[in-house]
N, C-alpha and C. Protein backbone atom coordinates (compact mmCIF):
# COMPACT_ATOMS: atom_id res chain seq x y z
N MET A 1 0.84 -1.20 0.00
CA MET A 1 0.00 0.00 0.00
C MET A 1 0.87 1.25 0.00
N ARG A 2 0.57 2.14 -0.93
CA ARG A 2 1.35 3.37 -1.00
C ARG A 2 0.94 4.32 0.11
N VAL A 3 1.87 5.21 0.48
CA VAL A 3 1.62 6.14 1.58
C VAL A 3 0.45 7.06 1.25
N GLY A 4 0.35 7.49 -0.01
CA GLY A 4 -0.68 8.46 -0.39
C GLY A 4 -2.08 7.89 -0.41
N ASP A 5 -2.22 6.56 -0.42
CA ASP A 5 -3.55 5.96 -0.54
C ASP A 5 -4.47 6.34 0.61
N SER A 6 -3.94 6.34 1.83
CA SER A 6 -4.78 6.63 2.98
C SER A 6 -5.12 8.12 3.06
N ALA A 7 -4.38 8.94 2.32
CA ALA A 7 -4.59 10.38 2.39
C ALA A 7 -5.36 10.91 1.17
N ARG A 8 -5.93 10.00 0.40
CA ARG A 8 -6.68 10.44 -0.78
C ARG A 8 -7.85 11.31 -0.37
N PRO A 9 -8.12 12.36 -1.14
CA PRO A 9 -9.27 13.20 -0.85
C PRO A 9 -10.57 12.42 -1.04
N ARG A 10 -11.60 12.83 -0.31
CA ARG A 10 -12.88 12.13 -0.36
C ARG A 10 -13.46 12.13 -1.77
N ALA A 11 -13.25 13.22 -2.50
CA ALA A 11 -13.81 13.32 -3.85
C ALA A 11 -13.29 12.19 -4.73
N SER A 12 -12.02 11.82 -4.54
CA SER A 12 -11.45 10.75 -5.34
C SER A 12 -12.14 9.42 -5.03
N VAL A 13 -12.44 9.21 -3.76
CA VAL A 13 -13.14 7.99 -3.35
C VAL A 13 -14.54 7.96 -3.94
N LEU A 14 -15.22 9.09 -3.91
CA LEU A 14 -16.57 9.16 -4.47
C LEU A 14 -16.54 8.95 -5.98
N THR A 15 -15.54 9.50 -6.64
CA THR A 15 -15.42 9.31 -8.08
C THR A 15 -15.22 7.84 -8.41
N GLN A 16 -14.39 7.17 -7.64
CA GLN A 16 -14.15 5.74 -7.87
C GLN A 16 -15.42 4.94 -7.61
N ALA A 17 -16.14 5.30 -6.55
CA ALA A 17 -17.38 4.60 -6.23
C ALA A 17 -18.41 4.80 -7.34
N HIS A 18 -18.49 6.02 -7.86
CA HIS A 18 -19.44 6.30 -8.94
C HIS A 18 -19.07 5.52 -10.19
N HIS A 19 -17.76 5.41 -10.46
CA HIS A 19 -17.30 4.65 -11.62
C HIS A 19 -17.67 3.18 -11.47
N ASP A 20 -17.48 2.63 -10.27
CA ASP A 20 -17.83 1.24 -10.02
C ASP A 20 -19.33 1.03 -10.17
N TYR A 21 -20.14 1.99 -9.66
CA TYR A 21 -21.59 1.89 -9.74
C TYR A 21 -22.06 1.93 -11.19
N THR A 22 -21.45 2.83 -11.98
CA THR A 22 -21.82 2.94 -13.39
C THR A 22 -21.51 1.65 -14.12
N ARG A 23 -20.33 1.08 -13.83
CA ARG A 23 -19.92 -0.16 -14.49
C ARG A 23 -20.84 -1.30 -14.08
N LEU A 24 -21.26 -1.32 -12.80
CA LEU A 24 -22.14 -2.37 -12.31
C LEU A 24 -23.51 -2.29 -12.97
N THR A 25 -24.08 -1.09 -13.04
CA THR A 25 -25.41 -0.93 -13.64
C THR A 25 -25.36 -1.28 -15.12
N ARG A 26 -24.25 -0.95 -15.78
CA ARG A 26 -24.12 -1.29 -17.21
C ARG A 26 -24.09 -2.80 -17.37
N ALA A 27 -23.37 -3.49 -16.48
CA ALA A 27 -23.30 -4.95 -16.54
C ALA A 27 -24.67 -5.56 -16.27
N LEU A 28 -25.39 -5.02 -15.30
CA LEU A 28 -26.72 -5.53 -14.99
C LEU A 28 -27.67 -5.34 -16.17
N SER A 29 -27.58 -4.20 -16.86
CA SER A 29 -28.46 -3.97 -18.00
C SER A 29 -28.12 -4.92 -19.14
N GLU A 30 -26.83 -5.25 -19.29
CA GLU A 30 -26.42 -6.21 -20.31
C GLU A 30 -26.98 -7.60 -19.99
N ILE A 31 -26.93 -7.98 -18.71
CA ILE A 31 -27.49 -9.27 -18.28
C ILE A 31 -29.00 -9.28 -18.51
N ASP A 32 -29.65 -8.19 -18.16
CA ASP A 32 -31.10 -8.08 -18.33
C ASP A 32 -31.46 -8.22 -19.80
N LYS A 33 -30.67 -7.58 -20.66
CA LYS A 33 -30.91 -7.64 -22.10
C LYS A 33 -30.74 -9.07 -22.61
N ALA A 34 -29.70 -9.75 -22.12
CA ALA A 34 -29.43 -11.12 -22.55
C ALA A 34 -30.56 -12.05 -22.10
N LEU A 35 -31.04 -11.87 -20.88
CA LEU A 35 -32.14 -12.69 -20.39
C LEU A 35 -33.41 -12.41 -21.19
N GLY A 36 -33.62 -11.16 -21.55
CA GLY A 36 -34.80 -10.79 -22.34
C GLY A 36 -34.75 -11.40 -23.72
N ASP A 37 -33.55 -11.50 -24.29
CA ASP A 37 -33.41 -12.09 -25.62
C ASP A 37 -33.75 -13.58 -25.59
N GLU A 38 -33.47 -14.25 -24.47
CA GLU A 38 -33.79 -15.67 -24.37
C GLU A 38 -35.30 -15.89 -24.36
N ASP A 39 -36.03 -14.97 -23.73
CA ASP A 39 -37.48 -15.12 -23.63
C ASP A 39 -38.15 -14.94 -24.99
N ALA A 40 -37.58 -14.11 -25.84
CA ALA A 40 -38.20 -13.80 -27.12
C ALA A 40 -38.21 -15.02 -28.05
């Protein structure tokens, strides 16, 4: 672990969390689309 990691500004943490959330919702929508295609 680098020394600077624990001193990261909160905004950086929020940006990373938002990026993870966006990636997660995109993956969920892809799964939802794939499941929907099977039903058709």
